[in-house]
Protein backbone atom coordinates (compact mmCIF):
# COMPACT_ATOMS: atom_id res chain seq x y z
CA MET A 1 21.27 18.60 8.29
CA PHE A 2 20.91 17.64 4.44
CA SER A 3 25.04 16.90 4.56
CA SER A 4 24.40 13.46 3.01
CA LEU A 5 22.52 15.02 -0.22
CA LYS A 6 25.65 15.81 -1.45
CA VAL A 7 26.59 12.85 -2.03
CA LYS A 8 24.99 12.27 -5.83
CA ASN A 9 23.98 8.45 -5.21
CA PHE A 10 22.09 8.88 -2.02
CA ARG A 11 20.64 12.30 -3.77
CA LEU A 12 19.38 10.69 -6.44
CA TYR A 13 18.31 7.64 -4.46
CA TRP A 14 16.18 9.73 -1.46
CA LEU A 15 14.82 11.64 -4.38
CA GLY A 16 13.35 8.37 -6.42
CA MET A 17 12.41 7.00 -2.99
CA PHE A 18 10.58 10.16 -1.38
CA VAL A 19 8.53 10.51 -5.01
CA SER A 20 7.67 6.53 -5.07
CA LEU A 21 6.72 6.59 -1.01
CA ILE A 22 4.12 9.76 -1.95
CA GLY A 23 2.50 7.24 -4.19
CA THR A 24 3.04 4.44 -1.57
CA TRP A 25 0.28 5.98 0.57
CA ILE A 26 -1.65 7.76 -1.65
CA GLN A 27 -2.26 3.85 -2.62
CA ALA A 28 -2.77 3.08 0.88
CA LEU A 29 -5.50 5.45 1.49
CA ALA A 30 -7.08 4.83 -1.21
CA GLN A 31 -6.83 0.67 -0.78
CA SER A 32 -8.32 0.61 2.89
CA TRP A 33 -10.98 2.85 1.08
CA LEU A 34 -11.89 0.51 -1.44
CA VAL A 35 -11.74 -2.48 1.35
CA PHE A 36 -14.19 -0.63 3.11
CA ASP A 37 -16.38 0.70 0.58
CA LEU A 38 -16.49 -3.01 -0.66
CA THR A 39 -17.43 -5.05 2.30
CA LYS A 40 -18.26 -2.02 5.39
CA SER A 41 -15.94 -4.47 7.37
CA VAL A 42 -13.51 -3.45 10.19
CA PHE A 43 -11.98 -6.59 10.23
CA LEU A 44 -11.62 -7.16 7.04
CA LEU A 45 -9.85 -3.86 6.97
CA GLY A 46 -7.81 -4.59 9.66
CA LEU A 47 -6.72 -8.26 7.93
CA VAL A 48 -5.69 -6.53 4.67
CA GLY A 49 -3.29 -4.71 7.09
CA PHE A 50 -2.21 -7.77 8.78
CA LEU A 51 -2.09 -9.65 5.73
CA SER A 52 0.53 -7.10 3.86
CA LEU A 53 2.74 -7.19 6.93
CA ALA A 54 2.91 -10.71 8.48
CA PRO A 55 5.24 -12.50 5.23
CA VAL A 56 8.01 -9.98 6.61
CA PHE A 57 7.49 -11.73 9.76
CA PHE A 58 8.23 -15.10 8.10
CA LEU A 59 10.59 -13.99 5.31
CA SER A 60 13.01 -11.12 5.99
CA LEU A 61 15.58 -13.21 7.78
CA PHE A 62 16.22 -14.78 3.98
CA GLY A 63 15.68 -11.10 2.19
CA GLY A 64 18.81 -10.39 4.62
CA VAL A 65 20.67 -13.51 3.29
CA PHE A 66 19.94 -12.22 -0.08
CA ALA A 67 21.05 -8.70 0.48
CA ASP A 68 24.52 -9.76 1.53
CA ARG A 69 24.41 -12.16 -1.61
CA VAL A 70 23.57 -10.41 -4.20
CA ASN A 71 24.14 -6.64 -4.98
CA LYS A 72 21.74 -4.43 -3.13
CA LYS A 73 21.35 -2.24 -6.22
CA LYS A 74 20.04 -5.34 -8.70
CA ILE A 75 17.49 -6.80 -5.36
CA LEU A 76 15.86 -2.99 -5.52
CA LEU A 77 15.53 -3.24 -8.80
CA PHE A 78 13.43 -6.52 -9.13
CA THR A 79 11.76 -5.18 -5.86
CA GLN A 80 10.39 -2.23 -7.03
CA ASN A 81 9.60 -3.55 -10.21
CA ALA A 82 7.34 -5.52 -8.88
CA PHE A 83 5.61 -3.43 -6.51
CA MET A 84 4.70 -1.48 -9.64
CA LEU A 85 3.23 -4.31 -11.39
CA LEU A 86 1.40 -5.16 -8.67
CA ALA A 87 0.07 -1.60 -8.39
CA PHE A 88 -0.73 -2.05 -12.24
CA ILE A 89 -3.02 -4.84 -11.61
CA LEU A 90 -5.19 -3.60 -9.20
CA ALA A 91 -5.44 -0.41 -10.82
CA LEU A 92 -6.43 -3.06 -13.67
CA LEU A 93 -8.94 -4.88 -11.57
CA VAL A 94 -10.42 -1.54 -10.30
CA GLN A 95 -11.13 -0.44 -13.52
CA PHE A 96 -12.40 -2.98 -14.90
CA LYS A 97 -14.75 -3.48 -12.30
CA VAL A 98 -14.13 -7.01 -10.94
CA ILE A 99 -11.90 -6.73 -8.14
CA THR A 100 -12.95 -8.50 -5.13
CA PRO A 101 -11.71 -8.22 -1.07
CA SER A 102 -9.87 -12.41 -1.47
CA GLN A 103 -8.38 -10.41 -4.69
CA ILE A 104 -6.93 -7.16 -2.55
CA MET A 105 -6.27 -9.90 0.80
CA PHE A 106 -3.89 -11.93 -2.48
CA ILE A 107 -2.21 -8.13 -3.49
CA ALA A 108 -1.86 -7.44 0.08
CA VAL A 109 0.18 -10.58 0.99
CA LEU A 110 2.34 -10.58 -2.26
CA ASN A 111 3.46 -6.73 -1.66
CA GLY A 112 4.09 -8.28 2.24
CA ILE A 113 6.12 -11.14 0.44
CA VAL A 114 8.51 -8.08 -1.80
CA MET A 115 8.82 -6.26 0.75
CA SER A 116 10.33 -9.00 3.14
CA PHE A 117 13.31 -8.51 0.07
CA ASP A 118 13.67 -5.06 -0.48
CA ALA A 119 12.94 -4.01 3.12
CA PRO A 120 16.38 -5.23 4.17
CA ALA A 121 18.52 -4.43 0.98
CA ARG A 122 17.15 -1.00 1.53
CA GLN A 123 18.15 -0.60 4.97
CA ALA A 124 21.50 -1.68 4.34
CA ILE A 125 22.33 0.02 1.13
CA LEU A 126 22.18 3.40 3.14
CA PHE A 127 25.55 2.73 4.48
CA GLU A 128 27.00 1.59 0.67
CA LEU A 129 25.78 5.20 -0.55
CA VAL A 130 27.25 7.68 1.95
CA GLY A 131 29.59 5.38 4.18
CA LYS A 132 30.02 5.43 8.13
CA ASP A 133 30.25 9.16 8.93
CA ARG A 134 27.23 9.91 6.85
CA VAL A 135 24.66 6.88 8.26
CA LEU A 136 22.98 8.91 10.91
CA ASN A 137 22.40 11.87 8.66
CA ALA A 138 21.23 9.41 6.03
CA VAL A 139 18.99 7.45 8.56
CA ALA A 140 17.49 10.49 9.01
CA LEU A 141 16.56 12.08 5.93
CA ASN A 142 15.07 8.69 4.94
CA SER A 143 13.02 9.03 7.91
CA ALA A 144 12.50 12.50 7.17
CA ALA A 145 11.42 11.09 4.10
CA PHE A 146 8.72 8.60 5.10
CA ASN A 147 7.10 11.23 7.00
CA SER A 148 6.78 13.58 4.68
CA SER A 149 5.13 11.31 2.80
CA ARG A 150 2.81 10.09 5.21
CA ILE A 151 1.42 13.62 5.66
CA ILE A 152 1.96 14.74 1.64
CA GLY A 153 0.43 11.27 0.07
CA PRO A 154 -2.88 10.52 2.62
CA ALA A 155 -3.96 14.19 1.88
CA LEU A 156 -3.28 14.16 -2.03
CA ALA A 157 -5.17 10.96 -2.21
CA GLY A 158 -8.31 12.46 -0.48
CA ILE A 159 -8.89 14.29 -2.97
CA LEU A 160 -7.25 12.74 -5.85
CA ILE A 161 -10.10 9.53 -4.68
CA ALA A 162 -12.73 12.18 -5.02
CA ALA A 163 -11.33 13.30 -8.53
CA ILE A 164 -10.04 10.64 -10.94
CA GLY A 165 -11.19 8.06 -8.09
CA MET A 166 -9.21 4.85 -6.80
CA THR A 167 -8.03 3.66 -10.02
CA GLY A 168 -6.62 6.59 -10.35
CA CYS A 169 -4.90 6.57 -7.22
CA PHE A 170 -3.62 2.89 -8.10
CA TYR A 171 -2.08 3.76 -11.66
CA ILE A 172 -0.51 7.11 -9.75
CA ASN A 173 1.51 4.71 -7.47
CA GLY A 174 2.33 2.49 -10.18
CA ILE A 175 4.28 5.17 -11.77
CA SER A 176 5.67 7.01 -8.61
CA PHE A 177 7.78 3.30 -8.94
CA LEU A 178 9.52 4.52 -12.22
CA ALA A 179 11.33 7.67 -9.97
CA VAL A 180 13.21 5.14 -8.12
CA ILE A 181 14.12 2.69 -10.78
CA ILE A 182 15.55 5.54 -12.99
CA ALA A 183 17.25 6.75 -9.81
CA LEU A 184 18.74 3.28 -9.22
CA LEU A 185 20.03 2.54 -12.62
CA LEU A 186 21.73 6.17 -12.56
CA ILE A 187 23.55 5.63 -9.07
CA LYS A 188 26.63 3.21 -8.97
CA THR A 189 27.20 0.60 -6.01
CA ARG A 190 29.70 -1.83 -5.15
CA PRO A 191 29.27 -5.45 -6.11
CA ALA A 192 28.54 -7.70 -3.57
CA GLN A 193 31.54 -10.19 -1.58
CA LYS A 194 32.27 -13.07 -3.09
CA ARG A 195 31.43 -15.55 -0.59
CA SER A 196 32.80 -19.22 -0.46
CA ASN A 197 30.90 -22.08 -2.50
CA GLU A 198 30.42 -23.91 0.72
CA MET A 199 28.36 -21.66 2.43
CA THR A 200 24.39 -22.50 1.88
CA PHE A 201 21.66 -20.80 1.72
CA MET A 202 20.52 -21.72 5.36
CA LYS A 203 24.64 -21.98 6.40
CA ASP A 204 24.54 -18.28 5.64
CA LEU A 205 21.16 -17.78 7.60
CA GLY A 206 22.22 -19.51 10.85
CA GLN A 207 25.57 -17.53 10.76
CA GLY A 208 23.71 -14.80 10.23
CA LEU A 209 21.66 -15.32 13.15
CA SER A 210 24.85 -16.84 15.62
CA TYR A 211 26.30 -13.52 14.61
CA VAL A 212 23.17 -11.44 16.01
CA LYS A 213 23.15 -13.88 19.18
CA SER A 214 27.29 -13.18 20.11
CA HIS A 215 26.59 -9.99 20.06
CA PRO A 216 25.15 -8.34 23.07
CA THR A 217 24.92 -4.96 21.98
CA ILE A 218 23.06 -6.22 19.12
CA MET A 219 21.02 -8.33 20.77
CA ILE A 220 19.79 -6.04 23.16
CA LEU A 221 19.08 -3.05 20.41
CA ILE A 222 17.13 -5.79 18.36
CA SER A 223 15.02 -6.66 21.79
CA MET A 224 14.10 -2.82 22.32
CA VAL A 225 13.29 -2.67 18.82
CA ALA A 226 10.74 -5.83 19.33
CA VAL A 227 9.24 -4.63 22.54
CA SER A 228 7.96 -1.72 20.62
CA SER A 229 6.86 -2.56 17.62
CA PHE A 230 4.90 -5.43 19.92
CA PHE A 231 3.67 -3.05 22.59
CA GLY A 232 4.50 0.46 21.93
CA VAL A 233 2.95 1.00 18.23
CA SER A 234 -0.31 -0.64 18.52
CA TYR A 235 -1.78 2.97 19.57
CA ALA A 236 -1.68 3.76 15.99
CA ILE A 237 -3.91 1.32 14.41
CA LEU A 238 -6.61 1.70 17.66
CA MET A 239 -6.78 5.55 16.72
CA PRO A 240 -10.17 5.08 15.04
CA VAL A 241 -11.42 4.39 18.28
CA PHE A 242 -9.48 7.27 20.50
CA ALA A 243 -11.25 9.81 17.83
CA ASN A 244 -14.32 8.21 17.30
CA ASP A 245 -15.20 6.93 21.01
CA VAL A 246 -13.09 8.70 23.77
CA LEU A 247 -12.02 11.91 22.73
CA LYS A 248 -15.60 12.34 20.68
CA VAL A 249 -13.54 14.56 17.77
CA GLY A 250 -14.72 12.09 14.63
CA VAL A 251 -13.18 11.49 10.96
CA LYS A 252 -11.99 14.99 10.68
CA GLY A 253 -10.30 14.79 14.24
CA LEU A 254 -8.86 11.35 13.50
CA GLY A 255 -6.63 13.09 10.63
CA MET A 256 -4.75 15.85 13.27
CA LEU A 257 -4.59 13.29 15.30
CA MET A 258 -2.02 11.15 12.64
CA ALA A 259 -1.14 14.26 11.60
CA ALA A 260 0.21 15.26 15.08
CA SER A 261 2.13 11.58 15.18
CA GLY A 262 3.37 12.52 12.09
CA LEU A 263 4.72 16.34 12.75
CA GLY A 264 6.52 15.10 15.82
CA ALA A 265 8.35 12.20 13.72
CA LEU A 266 9.39 14.93 10.80
CA VAL A 267 10.47 17.26 13.67
CA ALA A 268 12.61 14.25 15.13
CA ALA A 269 13.86 13.32 11.71
CA LEU A 270 14.87 17.04 10.69
CA LEU A 271 16.85 17.34 13.96
CA LEU A 272 18.79 13.73 14.14
CA ALA A 273 19.81 15.21 10.56
CA LYS A 274 21.11 18.34 11.77
CA MET A 275 22.79 16.26 14.88
CA GLY A 276 24.78 14.18 12.61
CA ASP A 277 26.80 12.26 14.40
CA PHE A 278 27.09 13.68 17.70
CA ARG A 279 28.04 11.51 20.84
CA ASN A 280 25.52 9.79 23.88
CA LYS A 281 23.63 8.05 21.26
CA GLY A 282 23.01 4.98 23.90
CA ARG A 283 22.26 7.59 26.33
CA PHE A 284 19.94 9.53 23.73
CA LEU A 285 18.35 5.97 22.88
CA ILE A 286 17.58 4.84 26.09
CA VAL A 287 15.50 8.12 27.19
CA SER A 288 13.75 8.78 23.72
CA SER A 289 12.40 5.16 24.23
CA ILE A 290 11.16 5.92 27.37
CA ILE A 291 9.55 8.73 26.26
CA PHE A 292 7.87 7.44 24.09
CA SER A 293 6.85 4.86 26.12
CA LEU A 294 5.37 7.52 28.88
CA SER A 295 3.78 9.87 25.92
CA ILE A 296 1.73 6.38 25.03
CA VAL A 297 0.21 6.09 28.84
CA LEU A 298 -0.86 9.76 28.96
CA PHE A 299 -2.33 9.86 25.69
CA ALA A 300 -4.36 6.62 26.52
CA LEU A 301 -5.34 8.42 29.70
CA SER A 302 -6.39 11.71 28.16
CA ARG A 303 -9.45 13.22 27.63
CA SER A 304 -8.68 16.39 26.33
CA TYR A 305 -8.74 16.46 22.76
CA ILE A 306 -5.87 19.26 22.50
CA LEU A 307 -3.89 17.40 24.96
CA SER A 308 -4.23 14.98 22.99
CA LEU A 309 -2.95 16.23 20.07
CA SER A 310 0.23 17.71 21.93
CA VAL A 311 1.48 14.23 23.57
CA LEU A 312 1.10 12.76 20.21
CA VAL A 313 3.38 15.19 18.90
CA ILE A 314 5.71 13.83 21.28
CA THR A 315 5.06 10.00 20.42
CA GLY A 316 6.06 10.99 16.63
CA TRP A 317 9.24 12.87 18.39
CA SER A 318 10.34 10.14 20.38
CA SER A 319 9.23 6.98 18.69
CA VAL A 320 11.49 8.20 14.78
CA SER A 321 14.79 9.01 17.34
CA ALA A 322 14.51 5.63 18.87
CA MET A 323 14.27 4.07 16.30
CA SER A 324 16.89 6.31 13.81
CA ILE A 325 19.23 6.08 16.59
CA THR A 326 18.98 1.82 16.49
CA ASN A 327 19.24 1.89 13.14
CA THR A 328 22.31 4.21 12.82
CA LEU A 329 23.65 1.79 15.99
CA LEU A 330 22.85 -1.47 14.22
CA GLN A 331 24.48 -0.09 10.92
CA THR A 332 27.84 1.07 12.69
CA THR A 333 28.74 -1.89 14.87
CA VAL A 334 27.83 -4.43 12.53
CA ASN A 335 30.93 -5.73 10.14
CA ASP A 336 30.06 -5.00 6.50
CA GLU A 337 29.31 -9.03 5.61
CA PHE A 338 26.45 -9.21 7.85
CA ARG A 339 25.18 -6.25 7.24
CA GLY A 340 22.18 -7.09 5.56
CA ARG A 341 20.99 -10.19 7.90
CA VAL A 342 21.32 -7.82 10.74
CA MET A 343 19.25 -5.18 9.26
CA SER A 344 17.15 -7.68 7.92
CA ALA A 345 16.65 -9.07 11.87
CA PHE A 346 16.06 -5.26 12.57
CA MET A 347 13.18 -5.65 10.29
CA PHE A 348 12.19 -8.49 11.55
CA THR A 349 11.05 -6.95 14.75
CA PHE A 350 9.84 -3.85 13.37
CA ALA A 351 7.68 -4.62 10.77
CA GLY A 352 7.17 -8.26 11.62
CA ILE A 353 6.59 -8.19 15.14
CA MET A 354 4.25 -4.73 14.72
CA PRO A 355 1.06 -6.97 13.05
CA PHE A 356 0.91 -9.42 16.02
CA GLY A 357 1.27 -7.37 18.51
CA ASN A 358 -1.91 -5.05 16.57
CA LEU A 359 -3.52 -8.20 16.63
CA MET A 360 -3.40 -8.42 20.11
CA ALA A 361 -4.18 -4.78 20.92
CA GLY A 362 -6.87 -5.45 19.03
CA VAL A 363 -8.23 -8.53 21.26
CA PHE A 364 -7.56 -6.98 24.59
CA SER A 365 -9.45 -3.75 23.75
CA GLN A 366 -12.69 -5.57 23.00
CA ALA A 367 -12.68 -7.35 25.83
CA PHE A 368 -10.60 -4.20 28.63
CA GLY A 369 -11.33 -1.31 26.28
CA VAL A 370 -8.67 0.90 24.13
CA CYS A 371 -7.32 2.98 27.23
CA LEU A 372 -6.90 0.35 29.12
CA THR A 373 -4.99 -2.21 26.67
CA VAL A 374 -2.94 1.07 25.34
CA ALA A 375 -1.80 2.65 28.69
CA SER A 376 -0.85 -0.90 29.68
CA SER A 377 0.96 -1.22 27.29
CA GLY A 378 2.70 1.96 27.80
CA ILE A 379 4.16 0.94 30.81
CA ILE A 380 5.40 -2.43 29.52
CA CYS A 381 7.31 -0.52 27.57
CA ALA A 382 8.54 1.71 29.95
CA LEU A 383 9.81 -0.88 32.67
CA PHE A 384 11.94 -2.58 29.72
CA PHE A 385 13.36 0.58 28.97
CA VAL A 386 14.24 1.37 32.71
CA PHE A 387 15.25 -2.11 33.14
CA ILE A 388 17.54 -2.33 29.86
CA SER A 389 19.41 1.17 31.01
CA VAL A 390 20.00 -0.56 34.79
CA LYS A 391 20.95 -3.98 33.96
CA TYR A 392 23.25 -3.20 31.04
CA PRO A 393 24.83 0.04 31.39
CA LYS A 394 26.83 -0.55 28.38
CA ILE A 395 23.95 0.63 26.13
CA MET A 396 23.79 4.10 27.89
CA ALA A 397 27.83 4.30 27.06
CA ILE A 398 27.65 3.97 24.02
CA GLN A 399 28.83 7.25 22.23
């Protein structure tokens, strides 16, 4: 289950990233609380979330070119320092009581810009740290760290906000970036591939897009991520409405619903890490994707709190299973020189398209209700994945 952690470079990177992710989730909850405390506006709460991811849509492909041109470790050192600086700026603004909603939105945009260059390098460096044979295990352990921090971070934030205030939470997040920065300084990676001086930045970008377009397997995998991100994951942004209006369990129930999804995601990550480089990954991907889609439909139709909790465990499990397998197949399919650009396409469809899907879900939920919107989204996803399995059987045959 933990074979990648035997590799010193990955072990250092994973531990540093895990500490940093906990800090990031602490800040995420504290920032949401701060926005709502300042404005009492649900719309602005959603807008800040949108602004923090929207730059990924516009810039992540450029981030992929940088990941292929520049040493990935150097990129990550720059981005992690930038994240740390922004966290400290936010902490100081809150400490001196000069913070405004517009400043929070501006910092959210800056964080999104940094993420556009951080995410492709973060995804692509895994292959360099562990090699082809362990990449699925490394991706799964990365996912385990993310989902563990998603449970630990908000829980700590609730305690810390009461104990040391939102200012303290932002300072803790800033300090947490030191863990991954120190880890990056200690690990060794190979230098970036030398490129012809004739290849300009835009030519590199165009070459990367052509590479993706000319490989049907990569195109199909990317399209599956795009459909999941636009239609599938919007149920999470609407969870407060389900907790308050549909299931009527209030804020405590909301916490349990989010935890159930996180638990399923963590279980999936650990199981994938245990399974290692198994066969029939393509079939597993399609089955997981269809289960994810149907579980969303069932959640939307459920009026039982216990049933909803159980379904969300399955939703979390199937979602992380599908995304981790997709990530692994992309990492092992692509040529080394294109890895950063292909992983930037992955992040473009995963994180860049997501805020627009959330925006659409909000509009349709306002007009037709959350239950119909989420159920329809799940049906669209399921039909698409069945179509892929029938139209492109080669995906099912990937080992």
